[in-house]
């Protein structure tokens, strides 16, 4: 089990545990019972664990604590990536308040229902003066509806900082799982509103620059996020040619090292590839339209810019992170796993490997999206800050 080297009653803390559901409940439950919580996040490598574990721990936490769980493509805590452990992140009631709602039936495009639920939550959620408020999204990573959900949340509560991740299923890309307090729902998302005494800072990092000539999506299936043709050629074959590989060599490593980039608002965003279809198309992890202009992305350092951003923020009690599974593959291939582990230890980074990341009203891929929690200074510290000669 991994945890913070210092845990105070008001500080968020992290646990990492392995075993079957009963063992996990006992290991995590014994630790959290000592501290009243408002929110417990569970990131599980095994989707079958999600609902029963969240239910069992909800019973131990009490009705004032929301227990939100999702399946992952692996987790990470203070020793770096971990494929086999449940990552549990606990938010004490002494310094956090939280409430959550389901955004259900994602494939039925029930945006008006989602907006009503979001407005009700926003209007009834009470915060103490001086607290900071933010939103957390967990979305079915196989729903192909992250763009719609993220845009709906941003339109409904436009001034709220919101971030999150798409639930994963290892590298299988078959089924993902979400649960709240033991209740599981398919094709759904969970939105959680959180207030805290801690200062918060958003951490966003991707590591790709565009290279080569632009390409045009000449045929696509937008509903299923499939590119059929690039430059009027079969998509997989043309993509392979552009990155200097054969179609037979395409796979997770090639996709991680050579993502597709699209430009919007003066910035490039990753449109990650999850696989090749039987018809020779490319399956994406984000939305795509016919006529889209894309370029190939090539990586800079996978971790240096992220560490620089963490150091700019300064010491944090926790950095809650959502990191694309394809970034993890790229880090492995670049032999930077130890570097990533050191970064997680030095800056208290914990979270899970996702099928996509959400921030600022958009859905992206191959990006680290996180939130740093910085302990408020005491009155004595604030007074002392002004006593510089």
Foldseek 3Di string as FASTA:
>chain_A
DDWDPDDDLQFKMKDKDADDLVVVLVVVLVVPLVHQFQEKEKEAQDQVNAQVNLQSSPVSNDDNHKYKYKYFLFWAWLQFTDNGIIMMMTGGPVFKHKDKDKADDQVVLPLVVVLVVLLVCVVPDDDDPQKAKAKEKEFALLLQRPLVVLLSNCVSVVVHWYKYFYGDNRLPSDGMWIDMNSDTGPRMMMMMMMIGNFDKDKAKDFFWDFDDDKWFQADADQSQQKRQDINNHGALQVVQVVVVHGSVPDDLLVQLFKFKWADDPRDIFTFTFSDADPNRITHTSHGDDGGTIIGIIGGDDLPPVRLVVLVVVPAFSAKEKEAAVSSVSNCVVVVCRSVSSNSSNVRGYIYGHHSWMDTPSGIGHRMMIIMTTHHDDDPVVVVVVPPDD
